Amino acid sequence: MLIGLEGRVAVVTGAAQGIGRAIARTLGEAGANVHLVDLDRDGLEASASELGQTAHVADLSDRATARRVIEEVAGARGRLDILVNAAGGVRGQIGRPIEEISEADWRALFAANVDGAFFLSQAAAPHMKRLAHGRIVNISSGAGLRPSLTGIQAYAAAKHALVGLTRQLSWELAPYGITVNSVAPGFVLSNPATVRQWESYGVDGQRRLVEGIHCKRLGSPEDIANATIFFASDQAGWISGQVLSVDGGRS
């Protein structure tokens, strides 16, 4: 199955590194015009230079900023076909007992993992409705389906919320030709935070984690990008409201 996205316009968040950058590369290779969005200016500019695509530095937890990005892209290109919400992460937090979690810690992870996805989808919906076609793909996590390996309560709760948002937006938008799906990665060495987490497990912990994966290996950003481009394609036009675990199989 060959996936072609020639003439399509895509927005990919979290594109400064790792999974987001891999998704942007894969969409671009399929012919899409890709707009990269991230808060990390240096990483984003490196991605844009490497991929030959357009960068937008933005804090997507702010509703007005998220709307501005969408309007800039749609205004410049005349359309918006694909939105991939890949921004998120643990924002430097580590697993701690629930008693130690501050309100700021809690809200920071919801802002990073849920707010931007909602604000961008909200802004993108009218443009996709006008085309009677659109693809929204939310990058959630295995932590959105079960307890988090990181032990971070806010991260697990936020990713569960993103899964719920995916299903709700599908119910609302699919009648207009806009599919909404989610890719839920397993353990992927995609950025410095995941490398630190992997190293913290030690040799025995790393061995146990890999033994629990059917494919007996960790994932790569490209594994997640390959699933994402399918959801973004015409071939996935009758798939919506779904969450695809891309985790090598879990025991």
Foldseek 3Di string as FASTA:
>chain_A
DQFADALAEEEFEPCLWFLSLLLQQVNVVNHYQYEYEYQDVVSQVVSCVVRVHHYDHFQLLDLVRLLVVLCVRCVVSVAHAEYEYEWADQVPDFADPPVPQDPVSLVVRLSGQPNSLVSNCVNRQVRCLVVLAHEYEYEAAVLLVDPDPRNDPSNSVNSVVVLVVQLVVQVVRVVSHYAGEYEHEYQEPMDPVSVVVCVVCPPVRNCVVLVQAQQSDFDGSNLRSVVVSCSSGPVCSPDHSYYHYSYNHGD
